[in-house]
């Protein structure tokens, strides 16, 4: 685990400038959203991305686990190519 630290002064309206090397290390850009958490008296902020509610299933651990498995199977060559949709349907209906 790499630790990158920086110091910044709390400005008017409680604004804080995130040092450039910290921003770059986490890919933080102007306009990005961040989530603030307080843990044991420390403030932790994590960049977040808002997603369409209809796509929330895609980011669940169970779905992501299946995506990882699929990628591994693909890398290992564990897949079948079909010449047509008809051939694919025939293959899966036989199972």
Foldseek 3Di string as FASTA:
>chain_A
DDDDDDDWDQDPVRDTDDDPVVCVVQVNDPPFDWDWDADPNDIDIDTDDDDDPVCVVCPDPVNVVVVVVVVVCVVVVNDDDDPDPVRVVVVVVVD
